[in-house]
Every structure is written in structure tokens, then in C-alpha cells.
Amino acid sequence: MMEVGAENRALDYFSECVRVDGMKVAPHLGLMLALKTNDLALNNLKTIVKNNPDNFEALTQLGIHFFLLKYDVKAIQLMHRALKINSRYVPALVIMGEIYRFRGQHE
């Protein structure tokens, strides 16, 4: 369980990351988790992918987003796009494995 005030501190740090360098991907996922809402992070990631469709990191983060929401078909599509650009990107490989492991447990 998160201590009182920790969520606000997390939000402050992640918001500062976005302010300093909004095109970096990792802060957006942290902000999404800190806020417990997906809208801000999702919109930021979609903008990053729209402006740079070959950003395999952003594609992977979007895939994680959809996987967490249990939209595994969309997550798989995004992971395939990311891996087509960079077939050795470990986070995308790990998430693909997790998606298929999850699907195997729930089919």
C-alpha cells in the first residue's frame, strides 16, 4: 500500500519529467500510473507515435497500456509494430511474452 502523500509526490516528479522533456516516453507511463488515469499518458503517447511512427519505445508503451486494460489484440498489434522496427528491443519482447502467457492462462 502506498503511503499517504506518496502518490502526490510521484505525480510531481513525473509531471516535472514531462515538463522538462515531454518527448521522452518513460515519464508518460509513470505519470499514467501515478494519476491512475490513462487519458493524459495515452494522448501523449499517441501524439509521439503520430509525429514519429517509428518510435518503437512509444509503440511499446502504448502496447503496455492496452495490455493493462486487457485489450490484448491491440497490444499485440502495437508490439509487432515495435518489434518490426527494432526486433531486439527487450521491453517489447518481454511484453509479448507476457501477453501470450496471459492469453494461455485465460483461453
PDB file of N, CA and C in Angstrom:
ATOM      1  N   MET A   1       0.839  -1.178   0.000  1.00  0.00           N
ATOM      2  CA  MET A   1       0.000   0.000   0.000  1.00  0.00           C
ATOM      3  C   MET A   1       0.886   1.244   0.000  1.00  0.00           C
ATOM      4  N   MET A   2       0.512   2.227  -0.808  1.00  0.00           N
ATOM      5  CA  MET A   2       1.292   3.451  -0.944  1.00  0.00           C
ATOM      6  C   MET A   2       1.050   4.343   0.274  1.00  0.00           C
ATOM      7  N   GLU A   3       2.135   4.941   0.800  1.00  0.00           N
ATOM      8  CA  GLU A   3       1.997   5.830   1.954  1.00  0.00           C
ATOM      9  C   GLU A   3       1.246   7.095   1.550  1.00  0.00           C
ATOM     10  N   VAL A   4       0.630   7.713   2.535  1.00  0.00           N
ATOM     11  CA  VAL A   4      -0.128   8.939   2.293  1.00  0.00           C
ATOM     12  C   VAL A   4       0.813  10.003   1.733  1.00  0.00           C
ATOM     13  N   GLY A   5       0.397  10.647   0.675  1.00  0.00           N
ATOM     14  CA  GLY A   5       1.196  11.697   0.057  1.00  0.00           C
ATOM     15  C   GLY A   5       2.177  11.206  -1.002  1.00  0.00           C
ATOM     16  N   ALA A   6       2.474   9.909  -1.001  1.00  0.00           N
ATOM     17  CA  ALA A   6       3.440   9.384  -1.970  1.00  0.00           C
ATOM     18  C   ALA A   6       2.919   9.517  -3.391  1.00  0.00           C
ATOM     19  N   GLU A   7       1.622   9.314  -3.566  1.00  0.00           N
ATOM     20  CA  GLU A   7       1.047   9.435  -4.908  1.00  0.00           C
ATOM     21  C   GLU A   7       1.219  10.860  -5.428  1.00  0.00           C
ATOM     22  N   ASN A   8       1.010  11.847  -4.573  1.00  0.00           N
ATOM     23  CA  ASN A   8       1.188  13.241  -4.993  1.00  0.00           C
ATOM     24  C   ASN A   8       2.640  13.539  -5.319  1.00  0.00           C
ATOM     25  N   ARG A   9       3.572  13.000  -4.530  1.00  0.00           N
ATOM     26  CA  ARG A   9       4.996  13.215  -4.810  1.00  0.00           C
ATOM     27  C   ARG A   9       5.376  12.561  -6.135  1.00  0.00           C
ATOM     28  N   ALA A  10       4.860  11.350  -6.376  1.00  0.00           N
ATOM     29  CA  ALA A  10       5.132  10.668  -7.647  1.00  0.00           C
ATOM     30  C   ALA A  10       4.617  11.506  -8.807  1.00  0.00           C
ATOM     31  N   LEU A  11       3.421  12.018  -8.661  1.00  0.00           N
ATOM     32  CA  LEU A  11       2.827  12.856  -9.697  1.00  0.00           C
ATOM     33  C   LEU A  11       3.687  14.095  -9.949  1.00  0.00           C
ATOM     34  N   ASP A  12       4.189  14.718  -8.880  1.00  0.00           N
ATOM     35  CA  ASP A  12       5.041  15.901  -9.033  1.00  0.00           C
ATOM     36  C   ASP A  12       6.302  15.575  -9.833  1.00  0.00           C
ATOM     37  N   TYR A  13       6.947  14.467  -9.495  1.00  0.00           N
ATOM     38  CA  TYR A  13       8.185  14.096 -10.191  1.00  0.00           C
ATOM     39  C   TYR A  13       7.924  13.772 -11.661  1.00  0.00           C
ATOM     40  N   PHE A  14       6.896  12.980 -11.916  1.00  0.00           N
ATOM     41  CA  PHE A  14       6.614  12.610 -13.299  1.00  0.00           C
ATOM     42  C   PHE A  14       6.148  13.807 -14.116  1.00  0.00           C
ATOM     43  N   SER A  15       5.395  14.696 -13.501  1.00  0.00           N
ATOM     44  CA  SER A  15       4.969  15.909 -14.208  1.00  0.00           C
ATOM     45  C   SER A  15       6.175  16.759 -14.583  1.00  0.00           C
ATOM     46  N   GLU A  16       7.160  16.836 -13.689  1.00  0.00           N
ATOM     47  CA  GLU A  16       8.374  17.593 -13.980  1.00  0.00           C
ATOM     48  C   GLU A  16       9.142  16.964 -15.142  1.00  0.00           C
ATOM     49  N   CYS A  17       9.194  15.640 -15.187  1.00  0.00           N
ATOM     50  CA  CYS A  17       9.853  14.953 -16.309  1.00  0.00           C
ATOM     51  C   CYS A  17       9.192  15.327 -17.625  1.00  0.00           C
ATOM     52  N   VAL A  18       7.887  15.332 -17.638  1.00  0.00           N
ATOM     53  CA  VAL A  18       7.159  15.680 -18.857  1.00  0.00           C
ATOM     54  C   VAL A  18       7.419  17.138 -19.221  1.00  0.00           C
ATOM     55  N   ARG A  19       7.463  18.023 -18.210  1.00  0.00           N
ATOM     56  CA  ARG A  19       7.716  19.437 -18.476  1.00  0.00           C
ATOM     57  C   ARG A  19       9.107  19.651 -19.053  1.00  0.00           C
ATOM     58  N   VAL A  20      10.103  18.963 -18.507  1.00  0.00           N
ATOM     59  CA  VAL A  20      11.487  19.139 -18.928  1.00  0.00           C
ATOM     60  C   VAL A  20      11.722  18.569 -20.320  1.00  0.00           C
ATOM     61  N   ASP A  21      11.215  17.383 -20.572  1.00  0.00           N
ATOM     62  CA  ASP A  21      11.437  16.739 -21.871  1.00  0.00           C
ATOM     63  C   ASP A  21      10.225  15.885 -22.204  1.00  0.00           C
ATOM     64  N   GLY A  22       9.198  16.539 -22.710  1.00  0.00           N
ATOM     65  CA  GLY A  22       7.920  15.885 -22.956  1.00  0.00           C
ATOM     66  C   GLY A  22       7.936  14.813 -24.024  1.00  0.00           C
ATOM     67  N   MET A  23       9.001  14.733 -24.825  1.00  0.00           N
ATOM     68  CA  MET A  23       9.027  13.721 -25.878  1.00  0.00           C
ATOM     69  C   MET A  23       9.646  12.408 -25.416  1.00  0.00           C
ATOM     70  N   LYS A  24      10.124  12.362 -24.204  1.00  0.00           N
ATOM     71  CA  LYS A  24      10.627  11.091 -23.676  1.00  0.00           C
ATOM     72  C   LYS A  24       9.436  10.233 -23.291  1.00  0.00           C
ATOM     73  N   VAL A  25       9.547   8.957 -23.460  1.00  0.00           N
ATOM     74  CA  VAL A  25       8.404   8.069 -23.275  1.00  0.00           C
ATOM     75  C   VAL A  25       8.208   7.636 -21.836  1.00  0.00           C
ATOM     76  N   ALA A  26       9.247   7.230 -21.153  1.00  0.00           N
ATOM     77  CA  ALA A  26       9.106   6.624 -19.821  1.00  0.00           C
ATOM     78  C   ALA A  26       8.321   7.489 -18.837  1.00  0.00           C
ATOM     79  N   PRO A  27       8.536   8.812 -18.790  1.00  0.00           N
ATOM     80  CA  PRO A  27       7.760   9.591 -17.825  1.00  0.00           C
ATOM     81  C   PRO A  27       6.258   9.517 -18.042  1.00  0.00           C
ATOM     82  N   HIS A  28       5.849   9.322 -19.283  1.00  0.00           N
ATOM     83  CA  HIS A  28       4.419   9.275 -19.563  1.00  0.00           C
ATOM     84  C   HIS A  28       3.762   8.049 -18.933  1.00  0.00           C
ATOM     85  N   LEU A  29       4.443   6.926 -18.975  1.00  0.00           N
ATOM     86  CA  LEU A  29       3.886   5.730 -18.353  1.00  0.00           C
ATOM     87  C   LEU A  29       3.840   5.924 -16.845  1.00  0.00           C
ATOM     88  N   GLY A  30       4.896   6.469 -16.267  1.00  0.00           N
ATOM     89  CA  GLY A  30       4.896   6.717 -14.832  1.00  0.00           C
ATOM     90  C   GLY A  30       3.797   7.680 -14.434  1.00  0.00           C
ATOM     91  N   LEU A  31       3.594   8.715 -15.243  1.00  0.00           N
ATOM     92  CA  LEU A  31       2.535   9.670 -14.960  1.00  0.00           C
ATOM     93  C   LEU A  31       1.172   9.001 -15.026  1.00  0.00           C
ATOM     94  N   MET A  32       0.989   8.147 -16.014  1.00  0.00           N
ATOM     95  CA  MET A  32      -0.273   7.425 -16.141  1.00  0.00           C
ATOM     96  C   MET A  32      -0.541   6.605 -14.886  1.00  0.00           C
ATOM     97  N   LEU A  33       0.482   5.895 -14.414  1.00  0.00           N
ATOM     98  CA  LEU A  33       0.303   5.058 -13.240  1.00  0.00           C
ATOM     99  C   LEU A  33       0.105   5.903 -11.986  1.00  0.00           C
ATOM    100  N   ALA A  34       0.834   7.013 -11.885  1.00  0.00           N
ATOM    101  CA  ALA A  34       0.699   7.881 -10.711  1.00  0.00           C
ATOM    102  C   ALA A  34      -0.682   8.514 -10.638  1.00  0.00           C
ATOM    103  N   LEU A  35      -1.198   8.905 -11.790  1.00  0.00           N
ATOM    104  CA  LEU A  35      -2.503   9.547 -11.832  1.00  0.00           C
ATOM    105  C   LEU A  35      -3.652   8.551 -11.731  1.00  0.00           C
ATOM    106  N   LYS A  36      -3.349   7.289 -11.984  1.00  0.00           N
ATOM    107  CA  LYS A  36      -4.373   6.246 -12.051  1.00  0.00           C
ATOM    108  C   LYS A  36      -5.434   6.605 -13.091  1.00  0.00           C
ATOM    109  N   THR A  37      -5.003   7.273 -14.118  1.00  0.00           N
ATOM    110  CA  THR A  37      -5.855   7.588 -15.254  1.00  0.00           C
ATOM    111  C   THR A  37      -5.012   7.384 -16.496  1.00  0.00           C
ATOM    112  N   ASN A  38      -5.649   7.076 -17.570  1.00  0.00           N
ATOM    113  CA  ASN A  38      -4.906   6.750 -18.777  1.00  0.00           C
ATOM    114  C   ASN A  38      -4.962   7.848 -19.829  1.00  0.00           C
ATOM    115  N   ASP A  39      -5.834   8.816 -19.668  1.00  0.00           N
ATOM    116  CA  ASP A  39      -6.076   9.790 -20.726  1.00  0.00           C
ATOM    117  C   ASP A  39      -4.843  10.619 -21.077  1.00  0.00           C
ATOM    118  N   LEU A  40      -4.192  11.197 -20.090  1.00  0.00           N
ATOM    119  CA  LEU A  40      -3.046  12.060 -20.355  1.00  0.00           C
ATOM    120  C   LEU A  40      -1.907  11.283 -21.007  1.00  0.00           C
ATOM    121  N   ALA A  41      -1.539  10.167 -20.416  1.00  0.00           N
ATOM    122  CA  ALA A  41      -0.447   9.364 -20.966  1.00  0.00           C
ATOM    123  C   ALA A  41      -0.811   8.839 -22.347  1.00  0.00           C
ATOM    124  N   LEU A  42      -2.021   8.365 -22.501  1.00  0.00           N
ATOM    125  CA  LEU A  42      -2.453   7.817 -23.787  1.00  0.00           C
ATOM    126  C   LEU A  42      -2.387   8.887 -24.873  1.00  0.00           C
ATOM    127  N   ASN A  43      -2.899  10.073 -24.585  1.00  0.00           N
ATOM    128  CA  ASN A  43      -2.875  11.147 -25.579  1.00  0.00           C
ATOM    129  C   ASN A  43      -1.448  11.558 -25.922  1.00  0.00           C
ATOM    130  N   ASN A  44      -0.591  11.638 -24.908  1.00  0.00           N
ATOM    131  CA  ASN A  44       0.807  11.992 -25.163  1.00  0.00           C
ATOM    132  C   ASN A  44       1.491  10.937 -26.020  1.00  0.00           C
ATOM    133  N   LEU A  45       1.276   9.670 -25.705  1.00  0.00           N
ATOM    134  CA  LEU A  45       1.899   8.597 -26.485  1.00  0.00           C
ATOM    135  C   LEU A  45       1.370   8.563 -27.905  1.00  0.00           C
ATOM    136  N   LYS A  46       0.076   8.778 -28.080  1.00  0.00           N
ATOM    137  CA  LYS A  46      -0.491   8.812 -29.430  1.00  0.00           C
ATOM    138  C   LYS A  46       0.117   9.953 -30.243  1.00  0.00           C
ATOM    139  N   THR A  47       0.342  11.090 -29.600  1.00  0.00           N
ATOM    140  CA  THR A  47       0.965  12.230 -30.283  1.00  0.00           C
ATOM    141  C   THR A  47       2.389  11.890 -30.688  1.00  0.00           C
ATOM    142  N   ILE A  48       3.124  11.246 -29.789  1.00  0.00           N
ATOM    143  CA  ILE A  48       4.503  10.856 -30.099  1.00  0.00           C
ATOM    144  C   ILE A  48       4.523   9.913 -31.300  1.00  0.00           C
ATOM    145  N   VAL A  49       3.644   8.917 -31.314  1.00  0.00           N
ATOM    146  CA  VAL A  49       3.603   7.943 -32.417  1.00  0.00           C
ATOM    147  C   VAL A  49       3.147   8.609 -33.710  1.00  0.00           C
ATOM    148  N   LYS A  50       2.194   9.527 -33.606  1.00  0.00           N
ATOM    149  CA  LYS A  50       1.732  10.241 -34.807  1.00  0.00           C
ATOM    150  C   LYS A  50       2.871  11.044 -35.427  1.00  0.00           C
ATOM    151  N   ASN A  51       3.643  11.723 -34.565  1.00  0.00           N
ATOM    152  CA  ASN A  51       4.745  12.549 -35.050  1.00  0.00           C
ATOM    153  C   ASN A  51       5.964  11.730 -35.461  1.00  0.00           C
ATOM    154  N   ASN A  52       6.106  10.546 -34.906  1.00  0.00           N
ATOM    155  CA  ASN A  52       7.250   9.684 -35.206  1.00  0.00           C
ATOM    156  C   ASN A  52       6.785   8.228 -35.182  1.00  0.00           C
ATOM    157  N   PRO A  53       6.202   7.739 -36.289  1.00  0.00           N
ATOM    158  CA  PRO A  53       5.640   6.396 -36.329  1.00  0.00           C
ATOM    159  C   PRO A  53       6.651   5.283 -36.108  1.00  0.00           C
ATOM    160  N   ASP A  54       7.945   5.596 -36.199  1.00  0.00           N
ATOM    161  CA  ASP A  54       8.982   4.586 -35.978  1.00  0.00           C
ATOM    162  C   ASP A  54       9.513   4.589 -34.542  1.00  0.00           C
ATOM    163  N   ASN A  55       8.842   5.284 -33.651  1.00  0.00           N
ATOM    164  CA  ASN A  55       9.272   5.341 -32.261  1.00  0.00           C
ATOM    165  C   ASN A  55       8.835   4.046 -31.569  1.00  0.00           C
ATOM    166  N   PHE A  56       9.714   3.057 -31.622  1.00  0.00           N
ATOM    167  CA  PHE A  56       9.371   1.741 -31.076  1.00  0.00           C
ATOM    168  C   PHE A  56       9.177   1.775 -29.569  1.00  0.00           C
ATOM    169  N   GLU A  57       9.814   2.730 -28.888  1.00  0.00           N
ATOM    170  CA  GLU A  57       9.612   2.854 -27.439  1.00  0.00           C
ATOM    171  C   GLU A  57       8.187   3.296 -27.130  1.00  0.00           C
ATOM    172  N   ALA A  58       7.695   4.286 -27.870  1.00  0.00           N
ATOM    173  CA  ALA A  58       6.324   4.755 -27.672  1.00  0.00           C
ATOM    174  C   ALA A  58       5.321   3.681 -28.051  1.00  0.00           C
ATOM    175  N   LEU A  59       5.594   2.966 -29.140  1.00  0.00           N
ATOM    176  CA  LEU A  59       4.709   1.864 -29.531  1.00  0.00           C
ATOM    177  C   LEU A  59       4.643   0.811 -28.430  1.00  0.00           C
ATOM    178  N   THR A  60       5.784   0.525 -27.836  1.00  0.00           N
ATOM    179  CA  THR A  60       5.826  -0.454 -26.749  1.00  0.00           C
ATOM    180  C   THR A  60       5.036   0.043 -25.548  1.00  0.00           C
ATOM    181  N   GLN A  61       5.199   1.314 -25.200  1.00  0.00           N
ATOM    182  CA  GLN A  61       4.447   1.864 -24.066  1.00  0.00           C
ATOM    183  C   GLN A  61       2.942   1.825 -24.330  1.00  0.00           C
ATOM    184  N   LEU A  62       2.539   2.121 -25.565  1.00  0.00           N
ATOM    185  CA  LEU A  62       1.112   2.007 -25.915  1.00  0.00           C
ATOM    186  C   LEU A  62       0.645   0.562 -25.787  1.00  0.00           C
ATOM    187  N   GLY A  63       1.487  -0.357 -26.225  1.00  0.00           N
ATOM    188  CA  GLY A  63       1.149  -1.773 -26.088  1.00  0.00           C
ATOM    189  C   GLY A  63       0.968  -2.175 -24.638  1.00  0.00           C
ATOM    190  N   ILE A  64       1.850  -1.672 -23.774  1.00  0.00           N
ATOM    191  CA  ILE A  64       1.716  -1.946 -22.341  1.00  0.00           C
ATOM    192  C   ILE A  64       0.397  -1.378 -21.829  1.00  0.00           C
ATOM    193  N   HIS A  65       0.088  -0.182 -22.236  1.00  0.00           N
ATOM    194  CA  HIS A  65      -1.168   0.469 -21.843  1.00  0.00           C
ATOM    195  C   HIS A  65      -2.367  -0.419 -22.193  1.00  0.00           C
ATOM    196  N   PHE A  66      -2.421  -0.866 -23.445  1.00  0.00           N
ATOM    197  CA  PHE A  66      -3.562  -1.675 -23.868  1.00  0.00           C
ATOM    198  C   PHE A  66      -3.559  -3.054 -23.207  1.00  0.00           C
ATOM    199  N   PHE A  67      -2.390  -3.595 -22.949  1.00  0.00           N
ATOM    200  CA  PHE A  67      -2.301  -4.879 -22.249  1.00  0.00           C
ATOM    201  C   PHE A  67      -2.856  -4.743 -20.834  1.00  0.00           C
ATOM    202  N   LEU A  68      -2.494  -3.661 -20.146  1.00  0.00           N
ATOM    203  CA  LEU A  68      -3.004  -3.439 -18.790  1.00  0.00           C
ATOM    204  C   LEU A  68      -4.518  -3.267 -18.773  1.00  0.00           C
ATOM    205  N   LEU A  69      -5.064  -2.745 -19.865  1.00  0.00           N
ATOM    206  CA  LEU A  69      -6.523  -2.593 -19.978  1.00  0.00           C
ATOM    207  C   LEU A  69      -7.193  -3.855 -20.523  1.00  0.00           C
ATOM    208  N   LYS A  70      -6.392  -4.886 -20.727  1.00  0.00           N
ATOM    209  CA  LYS A  70      -6.860  -6.186 -21.206  1.00  0.00           C
ATOM    210  C   LYS A  70      -7.345  -6.169 -22.654  1.00  0.00           C
ATOM    211  N   TYR A  71      -6.791  -5.248 -23.448  1.00  0.00           N
ATOM    212  CA  TYR A  71      -7.011  -5.228 -24.899  1.00  0.00           C
ATOM    213  C   TYR A  71      -5.801  -5.886 -25.549  1.00  0.00           C
ATOM    214  N   ASP A  72      -5.721  -7.209 -25.382  1.00  0.00           N
ATOM    215  CA  ASP A  72      -4.501  -7.887 -25.810  1.00  0.00           C
ATOM    216  C   ASP A  72      -4.325  -7.920 -27.318  1.00  0.00           C
ATOM    217  N   VAL A  73      -5.376  -7.907 -28.107  1.00  0.00           N
ATOM    218  CA  VAL A  73      -5.231  -7.907 -29.564  1.00  0.00           C
ATOM    219  C   VAL A  73      -4.561  -6.607 -30.011  1.00  0.00           C
ATOM    220  N   LYS A  74      -5.015  -5.482 -29.475  1.00  0.00           N
ATOM    221  CA  LYS A  74      -4.406  -4.189 -29.803  1.00  0.00           C
ATOM    222  C   LYS A  74      -2.964  -4.145 -29.296  1.00  0.00           C
ATOM    223  N   ALA A  75      -2.738  -4.681 -28.104  1.00  0.00           N
ATOM    224  CA  ALA A  75      -1.381  -4.710 -27.546  1.00  0.00           C
ATOM    225  C   ALA A  75      -0.445  -5.513 -28.451  1.00  0.00           C
ATOM    226  N   ILE A  76      -0.910  -6.642 -28.947  1.00  0.00           N
ATOM    227  CA  ILE A  76      -0.096  -7.477 -29.832  1.00  0.00           C
ATOM    228  C   ILE A  76       0.222  -6.726 -31.120  1.00  0.00           C
ATOM    229  N   GLN A  77      -0.752  -6.031 -31.682  1.00  0.00           N
ATOM    230  CA  GLN A  77      -0.516  -5.257 -32.907  1.00  0.00           C
ATOM    231  C   GLN A  77       0.579  -4.214 -32.688  1.00  0.00           C
ATOM    232  N   LEU A  78       0.495  -3.506 -31.565  1.00  0.00           N
ATOM    233  CA  LEU A  78       1.493  -2.474 -31.271  1.00  0.00           C
ATOM    234  C   LEU A  78       2.864  -3.081 -31.038  1.00  0.00           C
ATOM    235  N   MET A  79       2.926  -4.215 -30.338  1.00  0.00           N
ATOM    236  CA  MET A  79       4.210  -4.873 -30.095  1.00  0.00           C
ATOM    237  C   MET A  79       4.820  -5.360 -31.409  1.00  0.00           C
ATOM    238  N   HIS A  80       3.992  -5.884 -32.305  1.00  0.00           N
ATOM    239  CA  HIS A  80       4.503  -6.318 -33.612  1.00  0.00           C
ATOM    240  C   HIS A  80       5.096  -5.137 -34.375  1.00  0.00           C
ATOM    241  N   ARG A  81       4.420  -3.985 -34.324  1.00  0.00           N
ATOM    242  CA  ARG A  81       4.958  -2.787 -34.991  1.00  0.00           C
ATOM    243  C   ARG A  81       6.298  -2.389 -34.390  1.00  0.00           C
ATOM    244  N   ALA A  82       6.361  -2.391 -33.047  1.00  0.00           N
ATOM    245  CA  ALA A  82       7.612  -2.016 -32.371  1.00  0.00           C
ATOM    246  C   ALA A  82       8.732  -2.987 -32.728  1.00  0.00           C
ATOM    247  N   LEU A  83       8.416  -4.276 -32.726  1.00  0.00           N
ATOM    248  CA  LEU A  83       9.439  -5.287 -32.998  1.00  0.00           C
ATOM    249  C   LEU A  83       9.832  -5.330 -34.472  1.00  0.00           C
ATOM    250  N   LYS A  84       8.948  -4.883 -35.342  1.00  0.00           N
ATOM    251  CA  LYS A  84       9.306  -4.788 -36.758  1.00  0.00           C
ATOM    252  C   LYS A  84      10.374  -3.705 -36.945  1.00  0.00           C
ATOM    253  N   ILE A  85      10.300  -2.658 -36.139  1.00  0.00           N
ATOM    254  CA  ILE A  85      11.273  -1.568 -36.206  1.00  0.00           C
ATOM    255  C   ILE A  85      12.569  -1.957 -35.504  1.00  0.00           C
ATOM    256  N   ASN A  86      12.444  -2.593 -34.342  1.00  0.00           N
ATOM    257  CA  ASN A  86      13.619  -2.998 -33.561  1.00  0.00           C
ATOM    258  C   ASN A  86      13.343  -4.377 -32.963  1.00  0.00           C
ATOM    259  N   SER A  87      13.751  -5.390 -33.671  1.00  0.00           N
ATOM    260  CA  SER A  87      13.443  -6.771 -33.288  1.00  0.00           C
ATOM    261  C   SER A  87      14.166  -7.224 -32.021  1.00  0.00           C
ATOM    262  N   ARG A  88      15.097  -6.422 -31.527  1.00  0.00           N
ATOM    263  CA  ARG A  88      15.856  -6.797 -30.334  1.00  0.00           C
ATOM    264  C   ARG A  88      15.520  -5.907 -29.133  1.00  0.00           C
ATOM    265  N   TYR A  89      14.426  -5.183 -29.205  1.00  0.00           N
ATOM    266  CA  TYR A  89      14.038  -4.293 -28.112  1.00  0.00           C
ATOM    267  C   TYR A  89      13.442  -5.129 -26.980  1.00  0.00           C
ATOM    268  N   VAL A  90      14.214  -5.299 -25.936  1.00  0.00           N
ATOM    269  CA  VAL A  90      13.880  -6.231 -24.855  1.00  0.00           C
ATOM    270  C   VAL A  90      12.523  -5.940 -24.204  1.00  0.00           C
ATOM    271  N   PRO A  91      12.177  -4.686 -23.868  1.00  0.00           N
ATOM    272  CA  PRO A  91      10.858  -4.479 -23.255  1.00  0.00           C
ATOM    273  C   PRO A  91       9.698  -4.985 -24.116  1.00  0.00           C
ATOM    274  N   ALA A  92       9.775  -4.784 -25.429  1.00  0.00           N
ATOM    275  CA  ALA A  92       8.707  -5.271 -26.312  1.00  0.00           C
ATOM    276  C   ALA A  92       8.686  -6.799 -26.340  1.00  0.00           C
ATOM    277  N   LEU A  93       9.852  -7.417 -26.348  1.00  0.00           N
ATOM    278  CA  LEU A  93       9.913  -8.877 -26.320  1.00  0.00           C
ATOM    279  C   LEU A  93       9.312  -9.433 -25.030  1.00  0.00           C
ATOM    280  N   VAL A  94       9.631  -8.798 -23.922  1.00  0.00           N
ATOM    281  CA  VAL A  94       9.106  -9.248 -22.628  1.00  0.00           C
ATOM    282  C   VAL A  94       7.585  -9.113 -22.588  1.00  0.00           C
ATOM    283  N   ILE A  95       7.078  -7.981 -23.043  1.00  0.00           N
ATOM    284  CA  ILE A  95       5.624  -7.768 -23.018  1.00  0.00           C
ATOM    285  C   ILE A  95       4.920  -8.749 -23.941  1.00  0.00           C
ATOM    286  N   MET A  96       5.493  -9.017 -25.105  1.00  0.00           N
ATOM    287  CA  MET A  96       4.888 -10.026 -25.991  1.00  0.00           C
ATOM    288  C   MET A  96       4.796 -11.366 -25.286  1.00  0.00           C
ATOM    289  N   GLY A  97       5.872 -11.747 -24.595  1.00  0.00           N
ATOM    290  CA  GLY A  97       5.837 -12.995 -23.843  1.00  0.00           C
ATOM    291  C   GLY A  97       4.760 -12.975 -22.772  1.00  0.00           C
ATOM    292  N   GLU A  98       4.630 -11.849 -22.080  1.00  0.00           N
ATOM    293  CA  GLU A  98       3.611 -11.727 -21.033  1.00  0.00           C
ATOM    294  C   GLU A  98       2.205 -11.796 -21.617  1.00  0.00           C
ATOM    295  N   ILE A  99       1.997 -11.159 -22.749  1.00  0.00           N
ATOM    296  CA  ILE A  99       0.673 -11.191 -23.387  1.00  0.00           C
ATOM    297  C   ILE A  99       0.297 -12.631 -23.734  1.00  0.00           C
ATOM    298  N   TYR A 100       1.224 -13.342 -24.374  1.00  0.00           N
ATOM    299  CA  TYR A 100       0.912 -14.723 -24.761  1.00  0.00           C
ATOM    300  C   TYR A 100       0.790 -15.638 -23.558  1.00  0.00           C
ATOM    301  N   ARG A 101       1.566 -15.372 -22.502  1.00  0.00           N
ATOM    302  CA  ARG A 101       1.426 -16.163 -21.278  1.00  0.00           C
ATOM    303  C   ARG A 101       0.051 -15.911 -20.668  1.00  0.00           C
ATOM    304  N   PHE A 102      -0.353 -14.657 -20.628  1.00  0.00           N
ATOM    305  CA  PHE A 102      -1.667 -14.294 -20.090  1.00  0.00           C
ATOM    306  C   PHE A 102      -2.776 -14.934 -20.909  1.00  0.00           C
ATOM    307  N   ARG A 103      -2.662 -14.866 -22.226  1.00  0.00           N
ATOM    308  CA  ARG A 103      -3.689 -15.454 -23.099  1.00  0.00           C
ATOM    309  C   ARG A 103      -3.792 -16.953 -22.896  1.00  0.00           C
ATOM    310  N   GLY A 104      -2.642 -17.599 -22.703  1.00  0.00           N
ATOM    311  CA  GLY A 104      -2.648 -19.041 -22.474  1.00  0.00           C
ATOM    312  C   GLY A 104      -3.330 -19.430 -21.191  1.00  0.00           C
ATOM    313  N   GLN A 105      -3.249 -18.576 -20.192  1.00  0.00           N
ATOM    314  CA  GLN A 105      -3.884 -18.847 -18.906  1.00  0.00           C
ATOM    315  C   GLN A 105      -5.384 -18.591 -18.933  1.00  0.00           C
ATOM    316  N   HIS A 106      -5.841 -17.774 -19.876  1.00  0.00           N
ATOM    317  CA  HIS A 106      -7.238 -17.353 -19.854  1.00  0.00           C
ATOM    318  C   HIS A 106      -8.027 -17.711 -21.107  1.00  0.00           C
ATOM    319  N   GLU A 107      -7.522 -18.666 -21.881  1.00  0.00           N
ATOM    320  CA  GLU A 107      -8.273 -19.076 -23.084  1.00  0.00           C
ATOM    321  C   GLU A 107      -9.183 -20.227 -22.744  1.00  0.00           C
TER     322      GLU A 107
END
